[in-house]
Amino acid sequence: MTAGQAGLDWAGLMRAGLQGLRLHPDQFWALTPAELALMLGIGPPSPRMDRERLADLAARYPDAPASADASLAEPTGEHRDDDT
């Protein structure tokens, strides 16, 4: 890095994450910069959710129909624990 380039304020970010957010070091270093910014409340705000944005999201990420052989219901019958 040259003298004219600005870098990240790692000391400030670590202080905010470790002291302010009370993260453990492994939690801090596992975060992406975007996740840390979101947790700290910095960065551009998310667009407001309105009908148009909801319709756009629904069009981009449609609900997939459940497959015929996939069932969430529990099987019927008696349940026995192996320990009893």
C-alpha atoms as a PDB file:
ATOM      1  CA  MET A   1       0.000   0.000   0.000  1.00  0.00           C
ATOM      2  CA  THR A   2       1.323   3.429  -0.837  1.00  0.00           C
ATOM      3  CA  ALA A   3       1.261   6.316   1.586  1.00  0.00           C
ATOM      4  CA  GLY A   4      -1.659   7.969  -0.257  1.00  0.00           C
ATOM      5  CA  GLN A   5      -3.995   4.955  -0.091  1.00  0.00           C
ATOM      6  CA  ALA A   6      -6.580   4.673   2.634  1.00  0.00           C
ATOM      7  CA  GLY A   7      -7.156   1.283   4.203  1.00  0.00           C
ATOM      8  CA  LEU A   8      -9.625  -0.183   6.624  1.00  0.00           C
ATOM      9  CA  ASP A   9      -9.460   0.942  10.217  1.00  0.00           C
ATOM     10  CA  TRP A  10      -8.820  -2.558  11.562  1.00  0.00           C
ATOM     11  CA  ALA A  11      -8.223  -1.357  15.109  1.00  0.00           C
ATOM     12  CA  GLY A  12     -11.529   0.517  15.096  1.00  0.00           C
ATOM     13  CA  LEU A  13     -13.404  -2.385  13.490  1.00  0.00           C
ATOM     14  CA  MET A  14     -11.942  -4.861  15.988  1.00  0.00           C
ATOM     15  CA  ARG A  15     -12.801  -2.562  18.887  1.00  0.00           C
ATOM     16  CA  ALA A  16     -16.379  -2.201  17.603  1.00  0.00           C
ATOM     17  CA  GLY A  17     -16.752  -5.953  17.033  1.00  0.00           C
ATOM     18  CA  LEU A  18     -14.975  -7.314  20.096  1.00  0.00           C
ATOM     19  CA  GLN A  19     -15.889  -4.649  22.644  1.00  0.00           C
ATOM     20  CA  GLY A  20     -19.018  -3.015  21.258  1.00  0.00           C
ATOM     21  CA  LEU A  21     -20.744  -6.104  19.853  1.00  0.00           C
ATOM     22  CA  ARG A  22     -19.045  -8.463  22.345  1.00  0.00           C
ATOM     23  CA  LEU A  23     -18.090 -10.932  19.637  1.00  0.00           C
ATOM     24  CA  HIS A  24     -15.490 -13.620  20.245  1.00  0.00           C
ATOM     25  CA  PRO A  25     -12.453 -13.307  17.960  1.00  0.00           C
ATOM     26  CA  ASP A  26     -13.465 -16.356  15.919  1.00  0.00           C
ATOM     27  CA  GLN A  27     -16.927 -14.847  15.413  1.00  0.00           C
ATOM     28  CA  PHE A  28     -15.431 -11.498  14.395  1.00  0.00           C
ATOM     29  CA  TRP A  29     -13.041 -13.004  11.843  1.00  0.00           C
ATOM     30  CA  ALA A  30     -15.770 -15.263  10.404  1.00  0.00           C
ATOM     31  CA  LEU A  31     -17.896 -12.228   9.448  1.00  0.00           C
ATOM     32  CA  THR A  32     -17.808 -10.707   6.006  1.00  0.00           C
ATOM     33  CA  PRO A  33     -17.319  -6.930   5.847  1.00  0.00           C
ATOM     34  CA  ALA A  34     -20.970  -6.600   4.746  1.00  0.00           C
ATOM     35  CA  GLU A  35     -22.185  -8.611   7.756  1.00  0.00           C
ATOM     36  CA  LEU A  36     -20.076  -6.523  10.140  1.00  0.00           C
ATOM     37  CA  ALA A  37     -21.355  -3.300   8.578  1.00  0.00           C
ATOM     38  CA  LEU A  38     -24.934  -4.524   8.972  1.00  0.00           C
ATOM     39  CA  MET A  39     -24.354  -5.420  12.631  1.00  0.00           C
ATOM     40  CA  LEU A  40     -22.799  -2.011  13.271  1.00  0.00           C
ATOM     41  CA  GLY A  41     -25.604  -0.195  11.457  1.00  0.00           C
ATOM     42  CA  ILE A  42     -23.347   1.401   8.867  1.00  0.00           C
ATOM     43  CA  GLY A  43     -23.720   1.400   5.110  1.00  0.00           C
ATOM     44  CA  PRO A  44     -26.587   2.180   2.792  1.00  0.00           C
ATOM     45  CA  PRO A  45     -30.051   1.464   4.155  1.00  0.00           C
ATOM     46  CA  SER A  46     -32.063  -1.387   2.700  1.00  0.00           C
ATOM     47  CA  PRO A  47     -34.851  -0.312   0.377  1.00  0.00           C
ATOM     48  CA  ARG A  48     -38.277  -0.152   1.986  1.00  0.00           C
ATOM     49  CA  MET A  49     -40.436  -3.238   1.423  1.00  0.00           C
ATOM     50  CA  ASP A  50     -43.444  -2.181  -0.621  1.00  0.00           C
ATOM     51  CA  ARG A  51     -45.780  -4.107  -2.911  1.00  0.00           C
ATOM     52  CA  GLU A  52     -43.596  -3.507  -5.962  1.00  0.00           C
ATOM     53  CA  ARG A  53     -40.443  -4.771  -4.233  1.00  0.00           C
ATOM     54  CA  LEU A  54     -42.309  -7.782  -2.837  1.00  0.00           C
ATOM     55  CA  ALA A  55     -43.618  -8.631  -6.324  1.00  0.00           C
ATOM     56  CA  ASP A  56     -40.084  -8.298  -7.717  1.00  0.00           C
ATOM     57  CA  LEU A  57     -38.686 -10.640  -5.046  1.00  0.00           C
ATOM     58  CA  ALA A  58     -41.513 -13.138  -5.598  1.00  0.00           C
ATOM     59  CA  ALA A  59     -40.803 -13.133  -9.341  1.00  0.00           C
ATOM     60  CA  ARG A  60     -37.055 -13.616  -8.820  1.00  0.00           C
ATOM     61  CA  TYR A  61     -37.404 -16.248  -6.081  1.00  0.00           C
ATOM     62  CA  PRO A  62     -40.658 -18.150  -6.626  1.00  0.00           C
ATOM     63  CA  ASP A  63     -41.817 -20.717  -4.110  1.00  0.00           C
ATOM     64  CA  ALA A  64     -41.054 -24.161  -5.470  1.00  0.00           C
ATOM     65  CA  PRO A  65     -44.001 -26.546  -5.400  1.00  0.00           C
ATOM     66  CA  ALA A  66     -43.542 -29.451  -3.001  1.00  0.00           C
ATOM     67  CA  SER A  67     -42.759 -32.741  -4.689  1.00  0.00           C
ATOM     68  CA  ALA A  68     -45.401 -35.456  -4.529  1.00  0.00           C
ATOM     69  CA  ASP A  69     -43.191 -37.915  -2.652  1.00  0.00           C
ATOM     70  CA  ALA A  70     -41.888 -35.426  -0.077  1.00  0.00           C
ATOM     71  CA  SER A  71     -44.076 -35.378   3.003  1.00  0.00           C
ATOM     72  CA  LEU A  72     -43.596 -33.352   6.168  1.00  0.00           C
ATOM     73  CA  ALA A  73     -46.164 -35.355   8.101  1.00  0.00           C
ATOM     74  CA  GLU A  74     -44.893 -37.747  10.733  1.00  0.00           C
ATOM     75  CA  PRO A  75     -45.503 -41.423  10.119  1.00  0.00           C
ATOM     76  CA  THR A  76     -48.371 -43.004  11.994  1.00  0.00           C
ATOM     77  CA  GLY A  77     -47.920 -45.823  14.464  1.00  0.00           C
ATOM     78  CA  GLU A  78     -46.292 -46.308  17.807  1.00  0.00           C
ATOM     79  CA  HIS A  79     -42.950 -44.758  18.607  1.00  0.00           C
ATOM     80  CA  ARG A  80     -40.603 -46.622  20.896  1.00  0.00           C
ATOM     81  CA  ASP A  81     -37.332 -45.339  22.290  1.00  0.00           C
ATOM     82  CA  ASP A  82     -34.487 -47.821  22.178  1.00  0.00           C
ATOM     83  CA  ASP A  83     -33.650 -46.974  25.785  1.00  0.00           C
ATOM     84  CA  THR A  84     -36.970 -48.191  27.226  1.00  0.00           C
END
